[in-house]
Amino acid sequence: MANENWKEKLTTEQYQVARCGGTERPGTGKYLYNKATGTYQCVCCGYTLFGSDAKYDSGSGWPSFWQPVKPGAVKEKTDKSLGMERTEVLCPQCGAHLGHVFQDGPDPSGLRYCINSASLDFLPETAANSQ
């Protein structure tokens, strides 16, 4: 999809985060405190990324997950911006920027997928079960 089409489909914040690699301010994301059961999907293409069963409160200011919904549900690449090396997390279907993954998460994975709410849509379990 061309940039102009993304700008029409997404809010300004969603576009800046998902398509331009930005980050929402910590503590401001609409899914930070979401405790409902369901799945988190890419805001751009609807690809299923994370399940609520892997979400936890990391205290980081962003929604955090200890694993994706299945192997290969996210793509990772090295990010050397901001003068440090981190692992960027992307949607494997459309390439949207989701956030970063760190190796300071809880068991059993030891990972913390620190994800921007602006890159996500949430599908409650009742809606997911009816599809």
N, C-alpha and C. Protein backbone atom coordinates (compact mmCIF):
# COMPACT_ATOMS: atom_id res chain seq x y z
N MET A 1 0.85 -1.17 0.00
CA MET A 1 0.00 0.00 0.00
C MET A 1 0.90 1.24 0.00
N ALA A 2 0.55 2.22 -0.77
CA ALA A 2 1.33 3.47 -0.85
C ALA A 2 1.14 4.29 0.42
N ASN A 3 2.13 5.13 0.72
CA ASN A 3 2.07 5.96 1.93
C ASN A 3 0.80 6.78 2.02
N GLU A 4 0.34 7.33 0.93
CA GLU A 4 -0.87 8.15 0.96
C GLU A 4 -2.08 7.31 1.38
N ASN A 5 -2.13 6.06 0.95
CA ASN A 5 -3.23 5.18 1.35
C ASN A 5 -3.16 4.87 2.84
N TRP A 6 -1.94 4.66 3.37
CA TRP A 6 -1.80 4.42 4.80
C TRP A 6 -2.26 5.65 5.58
N LYS A 7 -1.92 6.84 5.10
CA LYS A 7 -2.32 8.07 5.78
C LYS A 7 -3.83 8.22 5.82
N GLU A 8 -4.53 7.71 4.81
CA GLU A 8 -5.99 7.77 4.78
C GLU A 8 -6.60 6.73 5.72
N LYS A 9 -5.97 5.58 5.85
CA LYS A 9 -6.51 4.48 6.66
C LYS A 9 -6.25 4.65 8.15
N LEU A 10 -5.10 5.22 8.51
CA LEU A 10 -4.65 5.28 9.90
C LEU A 10 -4.79 6.67 10.49
N THR A 11 -4.86 6.76 11.83
CA THR A 11 -4.78 8.06 12.48
C THR A 11 -3.35 8.58 12.33
N THR A 12 -3.13 9.83 12.63
CA THR A 12 -1.79 10.41 12.54
C THR A 12 -0.82 9.65 13.43
N GLU A 13 -1.23 9.34 14.67
CA GLU A 13 -0.34 8.62 15.58
C GLU A 13 -0.07 7.20 15.07
N GLN A 14 -1.10 6.50 14.62
CA GLN A 14 -0.91 5.15 14.09
C GLN A 14 0.06 5.17 12.91
N TYR A 15 -0.08 6.14 12.03
CA TYR A 15 0.81 6.24 10.87
C TYR A 15 2.25 6.49 11.31
N GLN A 16 2.45 7.44 12.23
CA GLN A 16 3.80 7.77 12.69
C GLN A 16 4.48 6.58 13.37
N VAL A 17 3.71 5.81 14.13
CA VAL A 17 4.29 4.67 14.84
C VAL A 17 4.45 3.47 13.90
N ALA A 18 3.36 3.03 13.29
CA ALA A 18 3.37 1.79 12.50
C ALA A 18 4.10 1.91 11.17
N ARG A 19 3.97 3.02 10.49
CA ARG A 19 4.56 3.14 9.15
C ARG A 19 5.89 3.89 9.14
N CYS A 20 6.15 4.71 10.20
CA CYS A 20 7.38 5.51 10.22
C CYS A 20 8.34 5.10 11.34
N GLY A 21 7.99 4.07 12.11
CA GLY A 21 8.88 3.57 13.15
C GLY A 21 8.92 4.40 14.41
N GLY A 22 7.89 5.19 14.65
CA GLY A 22 7.85 6.03 15.84
C GLY A 22 7.49 5.24 17.09
N THR A 23 7.32 5.96 18.18
CA THR A 23 6.96 5.37 19.46
C THR A 23 5.96 6.28 20.16
N GLU A 24 4.90 5.69 20.71
CA GLU A 24 3.97 6.49 21.50
C GLU A 24 4.61 6.82 22.85
N ARG A 25 4.14 7.89 23.48
CA ARG A 25 4.67 8.25 24.79
C ARG A 25 4.34 7.16 25.80
N PRO A 26 5.27 6.83 26.70
CA PRO A 26 4.99 5.79 27.70
C PRO A 26 3.79 6.17 28.56
N GLY A 27 2.99 5.16 28.89
CA GLY A 27 1.84 5.36 29.75
C GLY A 27 0.60 5.90 29.06
N THR A 28 0.66 6.10 27.73
CA THR A 28 -0.47 6.72 27.03
C THR A 28 -1.26 5.76 26.14
N GLY A 29 -0.76 4.57 25.90
CA GLY A 29 -1.39 3.64 24.97
C GLY A 29 -2.71 3.08 25.47
N LYS A 30 -3.68 2.97 24.57
CA LYS A 30 -5.02 2.53 24.98
C LYS A 30 -5.07 1.08 25.43
N TYR A 31 -4.08 0.27 25.10
CA TYR A 31 -4.09 -1.14 25.50
C TYR A 31 -3.16 -1.44 26.67
N LEU A 32 -2.52 -0.41 27.24
CA LEU A 32 -1.58 -0.63 28.33
C LEU A 32 -2.22 -1.38 29.49
N TYR A 33 -3.42 -0.98 29.87
CA TYR A 33 -4.09 -1.60 31.03
C TYR A 33 -5.23 -2.53 30.63
N ASN A 34 -5.33 -2.86 29.36
CA ASN A 34 -6.39 -3.77 28.91
C ASN A 34 -6.18 -5.16 29.49
N LYS A 35 -7.19 -5.67 30.17
CA LYS A 35 -7.11 -7.01 30.77
C LYS A 35 -8.14 -7.96 30.16
N ALA A 36 -8.81 -7.53 29.11
CA ALA A 36 -9.81 -8.37 28.46
C ALA A 36 -9.14 -9.54 27.74
N THR A 37 -9.89 -10.61 27.56
CA THR A 37 -9.40 -11.80 26.87
C THR A 37 -9.65 -11.64 25.37
N GLY A 38 -8.63 -11.93 24.57
CA GLY A 38 -8.76 -11.83 23.12
C GLY A 38 -7.40 -11.83 22.45
N THR A 39 -7.36 -11.29 21.25
CA THR A 39 -6.11 -11.24 20.49
C THR A 39 -5.80 -9.82 20.05
N TYR A 40 -4.51 -9.55 19.91
CA TYR A 40 -4.03 -8.25 19.44
C TYR A 40 -3.57 -8.44 18.01
N GLN A 41 -4.04 -7.54 17.15
CA GLN A 41 -3.77 -7.64 15.72
C GLN A 41 -3.06 -6.39 15.22
N CYS A 42 -2.41 -6.51 14.07
CA CYS A 42 -1.76 -5.37 13.43
C CYS A 42 -2.82 -4.35 13.02
N VAL A 43 -2.62 -3.11 13.40
CA VAL A 43 -3.58 -2.05 13.08
C VAL A 43 -3.65 -1.80 11.58
N CYS A 44 -2.60 -2.14 10.86
CA CYS A 44 -2.55 -1.88 9.42
C CYS A 44 -3.26 -2.97 8.60
N CYS A 45 -2.98 -4.23 8.91
CA CYS A 45 -3.47 -5.31 8.05
C CYS A 45 -4.34 -6.35 8.74
N GLY A 46 -4.46 -6.29 10.07
CA GLY A 46 -5.29 -7.22 10.80
C GLY A 46 -4.65 -8.56 11.13
N TYR A 47 -3.37 -8.72 10.85
CA TYR A 47 -2.67 -9.97 11.14
C TYR A 47 -2.62 -10.20 12.65
N THR A 48 -2.92 -11.40 13.11
CA THR A 48 -2.92 -11.71 14.54
C THR A 48 -1.49 -11.87 15.04
N LEU A 49 -1.15 -11.11 16.10
CA LEU A 49 0.21 -11.02 16.61
C LEU A 49 0.39 -11.61 18.00
N PHE A 50 -0.46 -11.22 18.94
CA PHE A 50 -0.31 -11.62 20.34
C PHE A 50 -1.66 -12.01 20.92
N GLY A 51 -1.62 -12.91 21.89
CA GLY A 51 -2.81 -13.28 22.64
C GLY A 51 -2.78 -12.63 24.01
N SER A 52 -3.97 -12.37 24.57
CA SER A 52 -4.03 -11.74 25.89
C SER A 52 -3.43 -12.63 26.97
N ASP A 53 -3.36 -13.93 26.74
CA ASP A 53 -2.79 -14.84 27.73
C ASP A 53 -1.28 -14.64 27.91
N ALA A 54 -0.62 -13.95 26.98
CA ALA A 54 0.81 -13.69 27.08
C ALA A 54 1.10 -12.23 27.47
N LYS A 55 0.06 -11.45 27.76
CA LYS A 55 0.23 -10.05 28.13
C LYS A 55 0.50 -9.96 29.63
N TYR A 56 1.39 -9.05 30.02
CA TYR A 56 1.67 -8.84 31.44
C TYR A 56 2.07 -7.39 31.68
N ASP A 57 2.04 -6.98 32.92
CA ASP A 57 2.42 -5.61 33.29
C ASP A 57 3.91 -5.57 33.57
N SER A 58 4.67 -5.03 32.63
CA SER A 58 6.12 -4.96 32.78
C SER A 58 6.57 -3.71 33.52
N GLY A 59 5.66 -2.75 33.68
CA GLY A 59 6.04 -1.48 34.31
C GLY A 59 6.78 -0.55 33.37
N SER A 60 6.86 -0.90 32.09
CA SER A 60 7.63 -0.12 31.12
C SER A 60 6.85 1.07 30.55
N GLY A 61 5.51 1.04 30.66
CA GLY A 61 4.69 2.10 30.07
C GLY A 61 4.10 1.73 28.73
N TRP A 62 4.38 0.52 28.25
CA TRP A 62 3.83 0.02 27.00
C TRP A 62 3.24 -1.37 27.24
N PRO A 63 2.26 -1.77 26.45
CA PRO A 63 1.77 -3.15 26.56
C PRO A 63 2.93 -4.11 26.32
N SER A 64 3.02 -5.13 27.17
CA SER A 64 4.12 -6.08 27.06
C SER A 64 3.60 -7.51 27.01
N PHE A 65 4.28 -8.31 26.23
CA PHE A 65 3.91 -9.71 26.02
C PHE A 65 5.16 -10.56 26.17
N TRP A 66 5.01 -11.79 26.68
CA TRP A 66 6.19 -12.65 26.82
C TRP A 66 6.38 -13.58 25.63
N GLN A 67 5.39 -13.61 24.71
CA GLN A 67 5.57 -14.37 23.47
C GLN A 67 4.49 -13.96 22.47
N PRO A 68 4.78 -14.10 21.18
CA PRO A 68 3.76 -13.91 20.15
C PRO A 68 2.75 -15.06 20.19
N VAL A 69 1.66 -14.90 19.45
CA VAL A 69 0.58 -15.90 19.46
C VAL A 69 1.02 -17.25 18.88
N LYS A 70 2.03 -17.24 18.01
CA LYS A 70 2.58 -18.48 17.44
C LYS A 70 3.97 -18.17 16.88
N PRO A 71 4.79 -19.19 16.68
CA PRO A 71 6.10 -18.94 16.05
C PRO A 71 5.91 -18.27 14.68
N GLY A 72 6.71 -17.26 14.42
CA GLY A 72 6.63 -16.55 13.15
C GLY A 72 5.55 -15.48 13.09
N ALA A 73 4.82 -15.26 14.19
CA ALA A 73 3.75 -14.27 14.19
C ALA A 73 4.27 -12.84 14.18
N VAL A 74 5.55 -12.66 14.49
CA VAL A 74 6.20 -11.36 14.36
C VAL A 74 7.55 -11.57 13.67
N LYS A 75 8.01 -10.52 13.04
CA LYS A 75 9.32 -10.53 12.38
C LYS A 75 10.24 -9.66 13.23
N GLU A 76 11.49 -10.04 13.33
CA GLU A 76 12.47 -9.27 14.11
C GLU A 76 13.61 -8.82 13.21
N LYS A 77 14.11 -7.61 13.51
CA LYS A 77 15.30 -7.13 12.79
C LYS A 77 16.11 -6.23 13.70
N THR A 78 17.40 -6.16 13.45
CA THR A 78 18.30 -5.34 14.25
C THR A 78 18.02 -3.87 14.00
N ASP A 79 17.92 -3.10 15.08
CA ASP A 79 17.67 -1.66 15.03
C ASP A 79 18.85 -0.98 15.71
N LYS A 80 19.64 -0.21 14.95
CA LYS A 80 20.81 0.47 15.49
C LYS A 80 20.59 1.97 15.64
N SER A 81 19.32 2.40 15.64
CA SER A 81 19.02 3.82 15.81
C SER A 81 19.21 4.22 17.27
N LEU A 82 19.23 5.48 17.54
CA LEU A 82 19.37 6.04 18.89
C LEU A 82 20.68 5.66 19.57
N GLY A 83 21.70 5.30 18.78
CA GLY A 83 23.02 5.02 19.32
C GLY A 83 23.13 3.74 20.13
N MET A 84 22.19 2.82 19.93
CA MET A 84 22.24 1.53 20.63
C MET A 84 21.72 0.45 19.70
N GLU A 85 21.98 -0.80 20.06
CA GLU A 85 21.46 -1.90 19.26
C GLU A 85 20.31 -2.56 20.01
N ARG A 86 19.15 -2.61 19.32
CA ARG A 86 17.96 -3.24 19.88
C ARG A 86 17.39 -4.16 18.81
N THR A 87 16.38 -4.95 19.18
CA THR A 87 15.70 -5.81 18.23
C THR A 87 14.31 -5.26 17.99
N GLU A 88 14.09 -4.78 16.77
CA GLU A 88 12.80 -4.23 16.37
C GLU A 88 11.84 -5.37 16.06
N VAL A 89 10.56 -5.17 16.38
CA VAL A 89 9.52 -6.15 16.10
C VAL A 89 8.59 -5.56 15.04
N LEU A 90 8.35 -6.35 13.97
CA LEU A 90 7.54 -5.91 12.84
C LEU A 90 6.43 -6.91 12.54
N CYS A 91 5.37 -6.44 11.90
CA CYS A 91 4.34 -7.35 11.40
C CYS A 91 4.93 -8.12 10.22
N PRO A 92 4.84 -9.45 10.23
CA PRO A 92 5.43 -10.22 9.14
C PRO A 92 4.65 -10.11 7.83
N GLN A 93 3.42 -9.64 7.91
CA GLN A 93 2.59 -9.55 6.72
C GLN A 93 2.74 -8.22 5.98
N CYS A 94 2.74 -7.09 6.72
CA CYS A 94 2.79 -5.79 6.05
C CYS A 94 4.01 -4.94 6.42
N GLY A 95 4.82 -5.43 7.37
CA GLY A 95 6.03 -4.71 7.76
C GLY A 95 5.83 -3.57 8.73
N ALA A 96 4.66 -3.44 9.32
CA ALA A 96 4.41 -2.35 10.27
C ALA A 96 5.34 -2.47 11.47
N HIS A 97 5.82 -1.32 11.94
CA HIS A 97 6.63 -1.27 13.16
C HIS A 97 5.70 -1.47 14.35
N LEU A 98 6.04 -2.44 15.21
CA LEU A 98 5.23 -2.73 16.40
C LEU A 98 5.90 -2.23 17.67
N GLY A 99 7.19 -2.40 17.78
CA GLY A 99 7.93 -2.02 18.99
C GLY A 99 9.27 -2.73 18.99
N HIS A 100 9.70 -3.18 20.18
CA HIS A 100 10.98 -3.87 20.33
C HIS A 100 10.83 -5.04 21.29
N VAL A 101 11.75 -5.99 21.19
CA VAL A 101 11.79 -7.11 22.13
C VAL A 101 13.09 -7.06 22.90
N PHE A 102 12.97 -7.33 24.22
CA PHE A 102 14.11 -7.29 25.13
C PHE A 102 14.20 -8.61 25.87
N GLN A 103 15.38 -8.92 26.36
CA GLN A 103 15.60 -10.20 27.05
C GLN A 103 15.54 -10.03 28.57
N ASP A 104 14.56 -9.27 29.03
CA ASP A 104 14.39 -9.06 30.48
C ASP A 104 12.96 -9.36 30.91
N GLY A 105 12.31 -10.27 30.20
CA GLY A 105 10.92 -10.61 30.49
C GLY A 105 10.79 -11.77 31.46
N PRO A 106 9.56 -12.15 31.75
CA PRO A 106 9.30 -13.23 32.71
C PRO A 106 9.48 -14.62 32.09
N ASP A 107 9.51 -15.60 32.95
CA ASP A 107 9.48 -16.99 32.48
C ASP A 107 8.12 -17.25 31.85
N PRO A 108 7.96 -18.13 30.93
CA PRO A 108 8.95 -19.11 30.53
C PRO A 108 9.88 -18.65 29.41
N SER A 109 9.60 -17.54 28.74
CA SER A 109 10.42 -17.15 27.59
C SER A 109 11.60 -16.25 27.96
N GLY A 110 11.46 -15.47 29.02
CA GLY A 110 12.48 -14.50 29.37
C GLY A 110 12.48 -13.28 28.46
N LEU A 111 11.43 -13.16 27.62
CA LEU A 111 11.36 -12.06 26.66
C LEU A 111 10.29 -11.05 27.06
N ARG A 112 10.53 -9.80 26.67
CA ARG A 112 9.54 -8.73 26.85
C ARG A 112 9.33 -8.06 25.50
N TYR A 113 8.21 -8.38 24.87
CA TYR A 113 7.83 -7.71 23.64
C TYR A 113 7.13 -6.43 24.06
N CYS A 114 7.80 -5.32 23.89
CA CYS A 114 7.32 -4.00 24.31
C CYS A 114 6.68 -3.36 23.07
N ILE A 115 5.34 -3.33 23.03
CA ILE A 115 4.61 -3.03 21.81
C ILE A 115 3.78 -1.76 21.95
N ASN A 116 3.76 -0.94 20.93
CA ASN A 116 2.97 0.29 20.92
C ASN A 116 1.50 -0.03 20.70
N SER A 117 0.63 0.53 21.55
CA SER A 117 -0.81 0.38 21.35
C SER A 117 -1.23 0.92 19.99
N ALA A 118 -0.56 1.97 19.52
CA ALA A 118 -0.90 2.59 18.24
C ALA A 118 -0.72 1.63 17.06
N SER A 119 0.06 0.57 17.25
CA SER A 119 0.28 -0.42 16.19
C SER A 119 -0.69 -1.59 16.28
N LEU A 120 -1.59 -1.55 17.27
CA LEU A 120 -2.45 -2.70 17.53
C LEU A 120 -3.94 -2.38 17.44
N ASP A 121 -4.71 -3.40 17.12
CA ASP A 121 -6.16 -3.45 17.32
C ASP A 121 -6.39 -4.63 18.24
N PHE A 122 -7.46 -4.57 19.01
CA PHE A 122 -7.78 -5.67 19.93
C PHE A 122 -9.10 -6.29 19.52
N LEU A 123 -9.10 -7.61 19.43
CA LEU A 123 -10.31 -8.36 19.10
C LEU A 123 -10.68 -9.17 20.33
N PRO A 124 -11.77 -8.76 21.04
CA PRO A 124 -12.18 -9.50 22.22
C PRO A 124 -12.52 -10.95 21.89
N GLU A 125 -12.35 -11.84 22.86
CA GLU A 125 -12.57 -13.26 22.64
C GLU A 125 -13.97 -13.55 22.11
N THR A 126 -14.99 -12.90 22.59
CA THR A 126 -16.35 -13.17 22.11
C THR A 126 -16.46 -12.89 20.62
N ALA A 127 -15.81 -11.80 20.16
CA ALA A 127 -15.82 -11.49 18.72
C ALA A 127 -14.97 -12.50 17.96
N ALA A 128 -13.83 -12.89 18.55
CA ALA A 128 -12.94 -13.85 17.89
C ALA A 128 -13.62 -15.19 17.72
N ASN A 129 -14.42 -15.60 18.70
CA ASN A 129 -15.09 -16.89 18.63
C ASN A 129 -16.21 -16.94 17.62
N SER A 130 -16.75 -15.78 17.25
CA SER A 130 -17.88 -15.77 16.31
C SER A 130 -17.43 -15.77 14.86
N GLN A 131 -16.12 -15.68 14.63
CA GLN A 131 -15.62 -15.66 13.23
C GLN A 131 -15.32 -17.02 12.72
